């Protein structure tokens, strides 16, 4: 018997399958704050709460020159606002959710929450960002990423904000290729 066929035949002796549901949502908020609840979006009545929530936002702040080039305080404040809105919604469930990780860049924000019982199995959380906007590097366009391991599977979430309009398809594809290929997850020094 070929080695791989033998391994497949005996797979149940050394592997265990665990199902895990993931909610991935993205929203271009056009620099506005949502005054109402996010519960209807994150917890639709037709489905059960997910095990992991990966929620991305674009245009959290106005993409003006000041915010793009200098001021990250506005982005940080909006990230806190949106994270709290998500927490409030997840508190509507009977499950407890924990913060896993986040990354923001100018108007982009990606945040991950997971059910409390999964936290011992989530490890190696890393984040990165890459600007592909003005001059091919400014953060008015780009991507933020969070990668993590759950049990023995690695997942990478990317929230991107790319050039608009139908005629920019090739540019969007090239920008996403850059984000995908050039995003580097640095291993932090554990000492």
N, C-alpha and C. Protein backbone atom coordinates (compact mmCIF):
# COMPACT_ATOMS: atom_id res chain seq x y z
N UNK A 1 0.85 -1.18 0.00
CA UNK A 1 0.00 0.00 0.00
C UNK A 1 0.90 1.25 0.00
N UNK A 2 0.58 2.20 -0.86
CA UNK A 2 1.33 3.45 -0.94
C UNK A 2 1.23 4.18 0.41
N UNK A 3 2.29 4.89 0.79
CA UNK A 3 2.37 5.55 2.10
C UNK A 3 1.18 6.48 2.35
N UNK A 4 0.82 7.32 1.38
CA UNK A 4 -0.28 8.27 1.57
C UNK A 4 -1.62 7.55 1.70
N UNK A 5 -1.81 6.49 0.95
CA UNK A 5 -3.04 5.71 1.06
C UNK A 5 -3.11 5.05 2.45
N UNK A 6 -1.97 4.57 2.93
CA UNK A 6 -1.91 3.96 4.25
C UNK A 6 -2.24 4.99 5.34
N UNK A 7 -1.67 6.21 5.19
CA UNK A 7 -1.95 7.27 6.14
C UNK A 7 -3.43 7.64 6.13
N UNK A 8 -4.02 7.72 4.96
CA UNK A 8 -5.43 8.06 4.84
C UNK A 8 -6.29 6.96 5.48
N UNK A 9 -5.92 5.72 5.28
CA UNK A 9 -6.64 4.58 5.83
C UNK A 9 -6.63 4.61 7.36
N UNK A 10 -5.53 5.07 7.96
CA UNK A 10 -5.38 5.07 9.41
C UNK A 10 -5.58 6.47 10.03
N UNK A 11 -6.08 7.39 9.24
CA UNK A 11 -6.23 8.78 9.66
C UNK A 11 -6.98 8.94 10.99
N UNK A 12 -8.02 8.16 11.21
CA UNK A 12 -8.82 8.29 12.42
C UNK A 12 -8.03 7.97 13.69
N UNK A 13 -6.91 7.28 13.55
CA UNK A 13 -6.08 6.94 14.71
C UNK A 13 -5.28 8.13 15.23
N UNK A 14 -5.05 9.12 14.38
CA UNK A 14 -4.18 10.23 14.80
C UNK A 14 -4.74 11.61 14.48
N UNK A 15 -5.95 11.69 13.99
CA UNK A 15 -6.56 13.01 13.75
C UNK A 15 -7.95 13.07 14.35
N UNK A 16 -8.37 14.28 14.60
CA UNK A 16 -9.71 14.54 15.12
C UNK A 16 -10.24 15.77 14.39
N UNK A 17 -11.45 15.70 13.92
CA UNK A 17 -12.07 16.82 13.23
C UNK A 17 -12.94 17.59 14.21
N UNK A 18 -12.76 18.90 14.24
CA UNK A 18 -13.57 19.78 15.07
C UNK A 18 -14.15 20.86 14.18
N UNK A 19 -15.45 21.00 14.22
CA UNK A 19 -16.10 22.04 13.41
C UNK A 19 -16.04 23.37 14.12
N UNK A 20 -15.88 24.41 13.33
CA UNK A 20 -15.78 25.76 13.87
C UNK A 20 -16.44 26.70 12.86
N UNK A 21 -17.42 27.48 13.33
CA UNK A 21 -18.09 28.41 12.41
C UNK A 21 -17.43 29.78 12.49
N UNK A 22 -17.33 30.42 11.34
CA UNK A 22 -16.66 31.72 11.25
C UNK A 22 -17.59 32.71 10.55
N UNK A 23 -17.77 33.87 11.18
CA UNK A 23 -18.49 34.98 10.56
C UNK A 23 -17.45 35.94 10.01
N UNK A 24 -17.50 36.22 8.72
CA UNK A 24 -16.63 37.22 8.10
C UNK A 24 -17.54 38.31 7.54
N UNK A 25 -17.35 39.52 8.02
CA UNK A 25 -18.17 40.63 7.55
C UNK A 25 -17.29 41.83 7.25
N UNK A 26 -17.71 42.62 6.29
CA UNK A 26 -16.98 43.82 5.93
C UNK A 26 -17.98 44.93 5.64
N UNK A 27 -17.57 46.17 5.96
CA UNK A 27 -18.50 47.29 5.82
C UNK A 27 -17.72 48.57 5.54
N UNK A 28 -18.03 49.22 4.43
CA UNK A 28 -17.49 50.54 4.15
C UNK A 28 -18.44 51.52 4.81
N UNK A 29 -17.99 52.13 5.91
CA UNK A 29 -18.88 52.98 6.72
C UNK A 29 -18.85 54.44 6.29
N UNK A 30 -18.05 54.78 5.28
CA UNK A 30 -18.04 56.13 4.71
C UNK A 30 -17.83 57.20 5.78
N UNK A 31 -16.90 56.94 6.72
CA UNK A 31 -16.51 57.88 7.78
C UNK A 31 -17.65 58.24 8.72
N UNK A 32 -18.67 57.39 8.79
CA UNK A 32 -19.81 57.64 9.68
C UNK A 32 -19.76 56.67 10.85
N UNK A 33 -20.34 57.10 11.97
CA UNK A 33 -20.52 56.22 13.12
C UNK A 33 -21.93 55.64 13.05
N UNK A 34 -22.05 54.39 13.37
CA UNK A 34 -23.34 53.72 13.41
C UNK A 34 -23.93 53.93 14.80
N UNK A 35 -25.05 54.59 14.89
CA UNK A 35 -25.65 54.87 16.19
C UNK A 35 -26.44 53.68 16.73
N UNK A 36 -26.98 52.88 15.86
CA UNK A 36 -27.76 51.72 16.30
C UNK A 36 -26.88 50.52 16.60
N UNK A 37 -27.53 49.43 16.84
CA UNK A 37 -26.85 48.18 17.17
C UNK A 37 -26.38 47.45 15.91
N UNK A 38 -25.33 46.66 16.06
CA UNK A 38 -24.85 45.81 14.97
C UNK A 38 -25.40 44.38 15.10
N UNK A 39 -26.27 44.17 16.08
CA UNK A 39 -26.74 42.83 16.40
C UNK A 39 -27.43 42.15 15.22
N UNK A 40 -28.28 42.87 14.51
CA UNK A 40 -29.00 42.26 13.39
C UNK A 40 -28.03 41.76 12.32
N UNK A 41 -26.92 42.48 12.12
CA UNK A 41 -25.91 42.10 11.13
C UNK A 41 -25.06 40.93 11.63
N UNK A 42 -24.58 41.03 12.86
CA UNK A 42 -23.67 40.02 13.39
C UNK A 42 -24.38 38.76 13.87
N UNK A 43 -25.61 38.90 14.30
CA UNK A 43 -26.36 37.77 14.86
C UNK A 43 -27.72 37.66 14.21
N UNK A 44 -27.76 37.34 12.92
CA UNK A 44 -29.06 37.26 12.25
C UNK A 44 -29.93 36.18 12.89
N UNK A 45 -31.23 36.43 13.01
CA UNK A 45 -32.12 35.48 13.68
C UNK A 45 -32.15 34.11 13.01
N UNK A 46 -31.79 34.04 11.75
CA UNK A 46 -31.86 32.77 11.01
C UNK A 46 -30.66 31.86 11.25
N UNK A 47 -29.68 32.28 12.07
CA UNK A 47 -28.52 31.42 12.29
C UNK A 47 -28.05 31.49 13.74
N UNK A 48 -27.25 30.52 14.11
CA UNK A 48 -26.67 30.48 15.46
C UNK A 48 -25.45 31.38 15.50
N UNK A 49 -25.08 31.86 16.69
CA UNK A 49 -23.86 32.66 16.79
C UNK A 49 -22.64 31.86 16.32
N UNK A 50 -21.71 32.55 15.70
CA UNK A 50 -20.51 31.89 15.19
C UNK A 50 -19.49 31.71 16.29
N UNK A 51 -18.52 30.84 16.04
CA UNK A 51 -17.43 30.62 16.98
C UNK A 51 -16.39 31.73 16.91
N UNK A 52 -16.15 32.22 15.69
CA UNK A 52 -15.17 33.28 15.47
C UNK A 52 -15.84 34.38 14.65
N UNK A 53 -15.56 35.63 15.03
CA UNK A 53 -16.04 36.79 14.28
C UNK A 53 -14.83 37.56 13.77
N UNK A 54 -14.75 37.72 12.45
CA UNK A 54 -13.73 38.56 11.81
C UNK A 54 -14.49 39.68 11.11
N UNK A 55 -14.33 40.89 11.62
CA UNK A 55 -15.12 42.01 11.11
C UNK A 55 -14.18 43.11 10.63
N UNK A 56 -14.36 43.52 9.38
CA UNK A 56 -13.53 44.55 8.79
C UNK A 56 -14.34 45.79 8.43
N UNK A 57 -13.69 46.94 8.55
CA UNK A 57 -14.31 48.22 8.18
C UNK A 57 -13.38 48.97 7.25
N UNK A 58 -13.98 49.68 6.30
CA UNK A 58 -13.23 50.58 5.45
C UNK A 58 -13.78 51.98 5.64
N UNK A 59 -12.92 52.97 5.38
CA UNK A 59 -13.26 54.39 5.50
C UNK A 59 -13.83 54.72 6.88
N UNK A 60 -13.17 54.25 7.93
CA UNK A 60 -13.59 54.60 9.30
C UNK A 60 -13.44 56.09 9.55
N UNK A 61 -12.46 56.69 8.89
CA UNK A 61 -12.23 58.13 9.00
C UNK A 61 -12.22 58.71 7.60
N UNK A 62 -12.36 60.03 7.51
CA UNK A 62 -12.23 60.69 6.21
C UNK A 62 -10.83 60.42 5.68
N UNK A 63 -10.73 60.11 4.40
CA UNK A 63 -9.43 59.83 3.81
C UNK A 63 -8.81 61.11 3.27
N UNK A 64 -8.73 62.12 4.13
CA UNK A 64 -8.10 63.38 3.74
C UNK A 64 -6.59 63.30 3.97
N UNK A 65 -5.86 64.30 3.49
CA UNK A 65 -4.39 64.29 3.56
C UNK A 65 -3.88 64.18 4.99
N UNK A 66 -4.53 64.87 5.93
CA UNK A 66 -4.08 64.84 7.32
C UNK A 66 -4.19 63.43 7.90
N UNK A 67 -5.33 62.79 7.72
CA UNK A 67 -5.51 61.44 8.26
C UNK A 67 -4.61 60.43 7.57
N UNK A 68 -4.41 60.58 6.26
CA UNK A 68 -3.59 59.62 5.51
C UNK A 68 -2.11 59.76 5.86
N UNK A 69 -1.62 60.98 5.95
CA UNK A 69 -0.18 61.19 6.12
C UNK A 69 0.28 61.28 7.57
N UNK A 70 -0.56 61.79 8.46
CA UNK A 70 -0.04 62.12 9.79
C UNK A 70 -0.84 61.53 10.94
N UNK A 71 -2.14 61.75 10.97
CA UNK A 71 -2.93 61.57 12.17
C UNK A 71 -3.51 60.16 12.31
N UNK A 72 -2.92 59.33 13.14
CA UNK A 72 -3.47 58.00 13.38
C UNK A 72 -4.39 58.00 14.60
N UNK A 73 -4.46 59.12 15.34
CA UNK A 73 -5.33 59.18 16.52
C UNK A 73 -6.80 59.02 16.16
N UNK A 74 -7.21 59.63 15.05
CA UNK A 74 -8.60 59.50 14.63
C UNK A 74 -8.94 58.05 14.32
N UNK A 75 -8.03 57.36 13.63
CA UNK A 75 -8.25 55.95 13.31
C UNK A 75 -8.33 55.12 14.58
N UNK A 76 -7.43 55.37 15.50
CA UNK A 76 -7.43 54.61 16.75
C UNK A 76 -8.73 54.81 17.53
N UNK A 77 -9.22 56.05 17.59
CA UNK A 77 -10.47 56.33 18.28
C UNK A 77 -11.65 55.61 17.62
N UNK A 78 -11.67 55.63 16.29
CA UNK A 78 -12.76 54.94 15.59
C UNK A 78 -12.66 53.42 15.77
N UNK A 79 -11.45 52.89 15.81
CA UNK A 79 -11.27 51.45 16.04
C UNK A 79 -11.87 51.06 17.39
N UNK A 80 -11.62 51.86 18.40
CA UNK A 80 -12.18 51.61 19.73
C UNK A 80 -13.71 51.66 19.67
N UNK A 81 -14.24 52.64 18.95
CA UNK A 81 -15.69 52.77 18.81
C UNK A 81 -16.30 51.51 18.19
N UNK A 82 -15.74 51.05 17.06
CA UNK A 82 -16.30 49.90 16.37
C UNK A 82 -16.11 48.61 17.17
N UNK A 83 -14.98 48.50 17.85
CA UNK A 83 -14.76 47.31 18.68
C UNK A 83 -15.82 47.23 19.78
N UNK A 84 -16.14 48.35 20.38
CA UNK A 84 -17.16 48.36 21.42
C UNK A 84 -18.54 48.02 20.86
N UNK A 85 -18.85 48.50 19.65
CA UNK A 85 -20.13 48.17 19.02
C UNK A 85 -20.25 46.66 18.79
N UNK A 86 -19.15 46.04 18.39
CA UNK A 86 -19.16 44.59 18.18
C UNK A 86 -19.33 43.87 19.52
N UNK A 87 -18.57 44.30 20.53
CA UNK A 87 -18.69 43.70 21.87
C UNK A 87 -20.13 43.76 22.39
N UNK A 88 -20.76 44.92 22.24
CA UNK A 88 -22.15 45.09 22.70
C UNK A 88 -23.07 44.07 22.02
N UNK A 89 -22.88 43.86 20.75
CA UNK A 89 -23.72 42.90 20.02
C UNK A 89 -23.46 41.48 20.48
N UNK A 90 -22.19 41.11 20.62
CA UNK A 90 -21.86 39.74 21.03
C UNK A 90 -22.32 39.45 22.45
N UNK A 91 -22.45 40.48 23.27
CA UNK A 91 -22.96 40.29 24.63
C UNK A 91 -24.44 39.89 24.64
N UNK A 92 -25.11 40.01 23.50
CA UNK A 92 -26.52 39.62 23.39
C UNK A 92 -26.69 38.11 23.36
N UNK A 93 -25.60 37.39 23.15
CA UNK A 93 -25.67 35.92 23.10
C UNK A 93 -25.46 35.35 24.49
N UNK A 94 -25.69 34.06 24.63
CA UNK A 94 -25.40 33.38 25.89
C UNK A 94 -23.94 32.94 25.96
N UNK A 95 -23.20 33.18 24.89
CA UNK A 95 -21.79 32.81 24.84
C UNK A 95 -20.94 33.98 25.30
N UNK A 96 -19.74 33.65 25.78
CA UNK A 96 -18.77 34.69 26.12
C UNK A 96 -17.74 34.73 25.00
N UNK A 97 -17.45 35.94 24.52
CA UNK A 97 -16.47 36.14 23.46
C UNK A 97 -15.28 36.91 23.99
N UNK A 98 -14.12 36.56 23.48
CA UNK A 98 -12.87 37.20 23.88
C UNK A 98 -12.26 37.89 22.66
N UNK A 99 -11.57 38.97 22.90
CA UNK A 99 -10.81 39.67 21.88
C UNK A 99 -9.60 38.81 21.50
N UNK A 100 -9.38 38.63 20.19
CA UNK A 100 -8.24 37.83 19.71
C UNK A 100 -7.14 38.73 19.15
N UNK A 101 -7.50 39.68 18.31
CA UNK A 101 -6.51 40.56 17.71
C UNK A 101 -7.16 41.60 16.82
N UNK A 102 -6.35 42.60 16.43
CA UNK A 102 -6.85 43.67 15.59
C UNK A 102 -5.68 44.29 14.83
N UNK A 103 -6.01 44.98 13.76
CA UNK A 103 -5.02 45.76 13.02
C UNK A 103 -5.76 46.88 12.32
N UNK A 104 -5.17 48.07 12.33
CA UNK A 104 -5.78 49.18 11.58
C UNK A 104 -4.71 49.93 10.81
N UNK A 105 -5.16 50.60 9.76
CA UNK A 105 -4.31 51.40 8.88
C UNK A 105 -5.20 52.49 8.29
N UNK A 106 -4.92 53.75 8.64
CA UNK A 106 -5.72 54.90 8.21
C UNK A 106 -7.20 54.58 8.43
N UNK A 107 -7.97 54.36 7.39
CA UNK A 107 -9.40 54.11 7.56
C UNK A 107 -9.79 52.66 7.59
N UNK A 108 -8.83 51.75 7.57
CA UNK A 108 -9.10 50.31 7.60
C UNK A 108 -9.02 49.78 9.02
N UNK A 109 -9.87 48.80 9.31
CA UNK A 109 -9.84 48.17 10.63
C UNK A 109 -10.32 46.73 10.51
N UNK A 110 -9.58 45.83 11.11
CA UNK A 110 -9.96 44.42 11.17
C UNK A 110 -9.83 43.97 12.61
N UNK A 111 -10.89 43.37 13.14
CA UNK A 111 -10.88 42.90 14.52
C UNK A 111 -11.45 41.48 14.57
N UNK A 112 -10.86 40.66 15.45
CA UNK A 112 -11.25 39.27 15.58
C UNK A 112 -11.67 39.00 17.03
N UNK A 113 -12.82 38.33 17.18
CA UNK A 113 -13.29 37.83 18.47
C UNK A 113 -13.56 36.34 18.33
N UNK A 114 -13.42 35.60 19.43
CA UNK A 114 -13.70 34.16 19.42
C UNK A 114 -14.40 33.78 20.70
N UNK A 115 -15.14 32.70 20.63
CA UNK A 115 -15.80 32.19 21.83
C UNK A 115 -14.73 31.84 22.87
N UNK A 116 -15.08 32.08 24.11
CA UNK A 116 -14.14 31.89 25.21
C UNK A 116 -13.57 30.47 25.24
N UNK A 117 -14.38 29.47 24.97
CA UNK A 117 -13.88 28.08 25.04
C UNK A 117 -12.84 27.76 23.97
N UNK A 118 -12.77 28.58 22.92
CA UNK A 118 -11.76 28.37 21.87
C UNK A 118 -10.41 28.98 22.20
N UNK A 119 -10.38 29.93 23.11
CA UNK A 119 -9.15 30.68 23.38
C UNK A 119 -7.94 29.81 23.71
N UNK A 120 -8.06 28.73 24.45
CA UNK A 120 -6.87 27.90 24.69
C UNK A 120 -6.31 27.25 23.41
N UNK A 121 -7.12 27.19 22.37
CA UNK A 121 -6.70 26.54 21.11
C UNK A 121 -6.28 27.55 20.05
N UNK A 122 -6.38 28.84 20.36
CA UNK A 122 -5.96 29.89 19.42
C UNK A 122 -4.57 30.36 19.85
N UNK A 123 -3.66 30.33 18.90
CA UNK A 123 -2.29 30.73 19.21
C UNK A 123 -1.66 31.37 17.98
N UNK A 124 -0.47 31.88 18.17
CA UNK A 124 0.33 32.44 17.09
C UNK A 124 -0.43 33.53 16.31
N UNK A 125 -1.05 34.44 17.06
CA UNK A 125 -1.80 35.54 16.44
C UNK A 125 -0.79 36.60 16.00
N UNK A 126 -0.84 36.95 14.72
CA UNK A 126 0.06 37.96 14.17
C UNK A 126 -0.73 38.90 13.29
N UNK A 127 -0.25 40.14 13.19
CA UNK A 127 -0.94 41.15 12.38
C UNK A 127 0.05 41.86 11.47
N UNK A 128 -0.47 42.42 10.40
CA UNK A 128 0.35 43.23 9.51
C UNK A 128 -0.56 44.14 8.70
N UNK A 129 0.04 45.13 8.07
CA UNK A 129 -0.71 46.01 7.18
C UNK A 129 0.19 46.40 6.01
N UNK A 130 -0.44 46.78 4.93
CA UNK A 130 0.30 47.20 3.74
C UNK A 130 -0.51 48.25 3.01
N UNK A 131 0.09 49.43 2.84
CA UNK A 131 -0.55 50.49 2.07
C UNK A 131 -0.20 50.35 0.59
N UNK A 132 -1.20 50.53 -0.27
CA UNK A 132 -0.99 50.47 -1.73
C UNK A 132 -1.60 51.68 -2.42
N UNK A 133 -1.88 52.73 -1.65
CA UNK A 133 -2.55 53.90 -2.19
C UNK A 133 -1.62 54.84 -2.93
N UNK A 134 -1.69 56.11 -2.59
CA UNK A 134 -0.89 57.14 -3.25
C UNK A 134 0.57 56.73 -3.27
N UNK A 135 1.21 56.82 -4.42
CA UNK A 135 2.61 56.43 -4.64
C UNK A 135 2.83 54.94 -4.37
N UNK A 136 1.76 54.17 -4.42
CA UNK A 136 1.87 52.72 -4.22
C UNK A 136 2.17 52.30 -2.80
N UNK A 137 2.08 53.26 -1.86
CA UNK A 137 2.42 52.89 -0.49
C UNK A 137 1.60 53.57 0.60
N UNK A 138 0.86 54.60 0.30
CA UNK A 138 0.10 55.30 1.33
C UNK A 138 -1.11 54.46 1.75
N UNK A 139 -1.56 54.71 2.97
CA UNK A 139 -2.60 53.89 3.57
C UNK A 139 -4.03 54.27 3.23
N UNK A 140 -4.24 55.21 2.30
CA UNK A 140 -5.61 55.50 1.91
C UNK A 140 -6.25 54.30 1.21
N UNK A 141 -5.42 53.45 0.62
CA UNK A 141 -5.84 52.17 0.05
C UNK A 141 -4.84 51.15 0.56
N UNK A 142 -5.31 49.93 0.73
CA UNK A 142 -4.39 48.90 1.22
C UNK A 142 -5.13 47.79 1.92
N UNK A 143 -4.39 47.07 2.77
CA UNK A 143 -4.97 45.94 3.47
C UNK A 143 -4.40 45.78 4.85
N UNK A 144 -5.23 45.28 5.75
CA UNK A 144 -4.80 44.89 7.09
C UNK A 144 -5.12 43.41 7.25
N UNK A 145 -4.24 42.70 7.92
CA UNK A 145 -4.38 41.25 8.02
C UNK A 145 -4.14 40.77 9.44
N UNK A 146 -4.89 39.75 9.81
CA UNK A 146 -4.69 39.04 11.07
C UNK A 146 -4.65 37.56 10.74
N UNK A 147 -3.56 36.91 11.16
CA UNK A 147 -3.47 35.46 10.98
C UNK A 147 -3.39 34.81 12.34
N UNK A 148 -3.93 33.60 12.43
CA UNK A 148 -3.93 32.88 13.70
C UNK A 148 -4.06 31.39 13.44
N UNK A 149 -3.68 30.63 14.43
CA UNK A 149 -3.88 29.19 14.37
C UNK A 149 -4.99 28.81 15.34
N UNK A 150 -5.91 27.99 14.87
CA UNK A 150 -6.98 27.43 15.69
C UNK A 150 -6.83 25.93 15.61
N UNK A 151 -6.63 25.30 16.75
CA UNK A 151 -6.29 23.89 16.78
C UNK A 151 -5.05 23.73 15.89
N UNK A 152 -5.14 22.96 14.82
CA UNK A 152 -3.98 22.76 13.94
C UNK A 152 -4.17 23.41 12.57
N UNK A 153 -5.12 24.32 12.46
CA UNK A 153 -5.37 25.01 11.20
C UNK A 153 -4.97 26.47 11.32
N UNK A 154 -4.38 26.99 10.26
CA UNK A 154 -4.01 28.40 10.22
C UNK A 154 -5.00 29.14 9.34
N UNK A 155 -5.46 30.27 9.83
CA UNK A 155 -6.43 31.10 9.10
C UNK A 155 -5.84 32.50 8.98
N UNK A 156 -6.03 33.12 7.83
CA UNK A 156 -5.60 34.49 7.63
C UNK A 156 -6.80 35.29 7.12
N UNK A 157 -7.10 36.37 7.83
CA UNK A 157 -8.18 37.28 7.43
C UNK A 157 -7.55 38.55 6.89
N UNK A 158 -8.07 39.03 5.76
CA UNK A 158 -7.57 40.27 5.16
C UNK A 158 -8.76 41.19 4.93
N UNK A 159 -8.63 42.43 5.37
CA UNK A 159 -9.61 43.46 5.07
C UNK A 159 -8.92 44.46 4.16
N UNK A 160 -9.45 44.66 2.97
CA UNK A 160 -8.81 45.53 1.99
C UNK A 160 -9.74 46.66 1.58
N UNK A 161 -9.13 47.79 1.24
CA UNK A 161 -9.86 48.92 0.66
C UNK A 161 -9.09 49.29 -0.61
N UNK A 162 -9.74 49.08 -1.74
CA UNK A 162 -9.06 49.22 -3.02
C UNK A 162 -9.72 50.30 -3.86
N UNK A 163 -9.09 50.65 -4.96
CA UNK A 163 -9.58 51.71 -5.84
C UNK A 163 -11.00 51.40 -6.33
N UNK A 164 -11.81 52.43 -6.42
CA UNK A 164 -13.21 52.29 -6.82
C UNK A 164 -13.37 52.31 -8.34
N UNK A 165 -14.57 52.04 -8.77
CA UNK A 165 -15.07 52.19 -10.14
C UNK A 165 -14.75 50.99 -11.02
N UNK A 166 -15.65 50.78 -11.94
CA UNK A 166 -15.60 49.62 -12.83
C UNK A 166 -14.33 49.58 -13.67
N UNK A 167 -13.82 50.73 -14.07
CA UNK A 167 -12.65 50.77 -14.95
C UNK A 167 -11.35 50.44 -14.22
N UNK A 168 -11.39 50.29 -12.90
CA UNK A 168 -10.17 50.03 -12.12
C UNK A 168 -10.01 48.56 -11.71
N UNK A 169 -10.65 47.65 -12.41
CA UNK A 169 -10.57 46.23 -12.04
C UNK A 169 -9.13 45.74 -12.06
N UNK A 170 -8.40 46.04 -13.10
CA UNK A 170 -7.00 45.58 -13.19
C UNK A 170 -6.16 46.17 -12.05
N UNK A 171 -6.38 47.42 -11.72
CA UNK A 171 -5.66 48.05 -10.62
C UNK A 171 -5.99 47.42 -9.28
N UNK A 172 -7.28 47.12 -9.06
CA UNK A 172 -7.68 46.45 -7.82
C UNK A 172 -7.05 45.07 -7.71
N UNK A 173 -7.07 44.35 -8.81
CA UNK A 173 -6.46 43.01 -8.80
C UNK A 173 -4.96 43.09 -8.51
N UNK A 174 -4.29 44.05 -9.11
CA UNK A 174 -2.84 44.22 -8.87
C UNK A 174 -2.58 44.62 -7.42
N UNK A 175 -3.41 45.52 -6.88
CA UNK A 175 -3.24 45.93 -5.49
C UNK A 175 -3.47 44.77 -4.53
N UNK A 176 -4.51 43.98 -4.79
CA UNK A 176 -4.74 42.84 -3.89
C UNK A 176 -3.60 41.83 -4.00
N UNK A 177 -3.09 41.64 -5.19
CA UNK A 177 -1.94 40.73 -5.37
C UNK A 177 -0.76 41.24 -4.54
N UNK A 178 -0.52 42.54 -4.55
CA UNK A 178 0.56 43.12 -3.74
C UNK A 178 0.31 42.89 -2.24
N UNK A 179 -0.92 43.10 -1.80
CA UNK A 179 -1.25 42.89 -0.39
C UNK A 179 -1.01 41.43 -0.03
N UNK A 180 -1.49 40.55 -0.86
CA UNK A 180 -1.36 39.11 -0.60
C UNK A 180 0.10 38.66 -0.59
N UNK A 181 0.87 39.12 -1.55
CA UNK A 181 2.25 38.66 -1.69
C UNK A 181 3.24 39.38 -0.77
N UNK A 182 2.98 40.63 -0.42
CA UNK A 182 3.97 41.42 0.32
C UNK A 182 3.66 41.57 1.81
N UNK A 183 2.52 41.07 2.25
CA UNK A 183 2.21 41.13 3.67
C UNK A 183 3.09 40.13 4.41
N UNK A 184 3.82 40.63 5.40
CA UNK A 184 4.74 39.80 6.15
C UNK A 184 4.32 39.79 7.61
N UNK A 185 4.19 38.61 8.17
CA UNK A 185 3.83 38.46 9.58
C UNK A 185 5.10 38.19 10.37
N UNK A 186 5.57 39.21 11.06
CA UNK A 186 6.83 39.12 11.78
C UNK A 186 6.64 38.30 13.05
N UNK A 187 7.58 37.42 13.30
CA UNK A 187 7.58 36.66 14.54
C UNK A 187 8.21 37.57 15.60
N UNK A 188 7.44 37.87 16.63
CA UNK A 188 7.94 38.77 17.66
C UNK A 188 8.90 38.04 18.58
N UNK A 189 9.88 38.78 19.06
CA UNK A 189 10.87 38.22 19.96
C UNK A 189 10.21 37.84 21.28
N UNK A 190 10.36 36.59 21.70
CA UNK A 190 9.68 36.13 22.90
C UNK A 190 10.50 36.34 24.17
N UNK A 191 11.63 37.01 24.07
CA UNK A 191 12.46 37.23 25.27
C UNK A 191 12.10 38.50 25.98
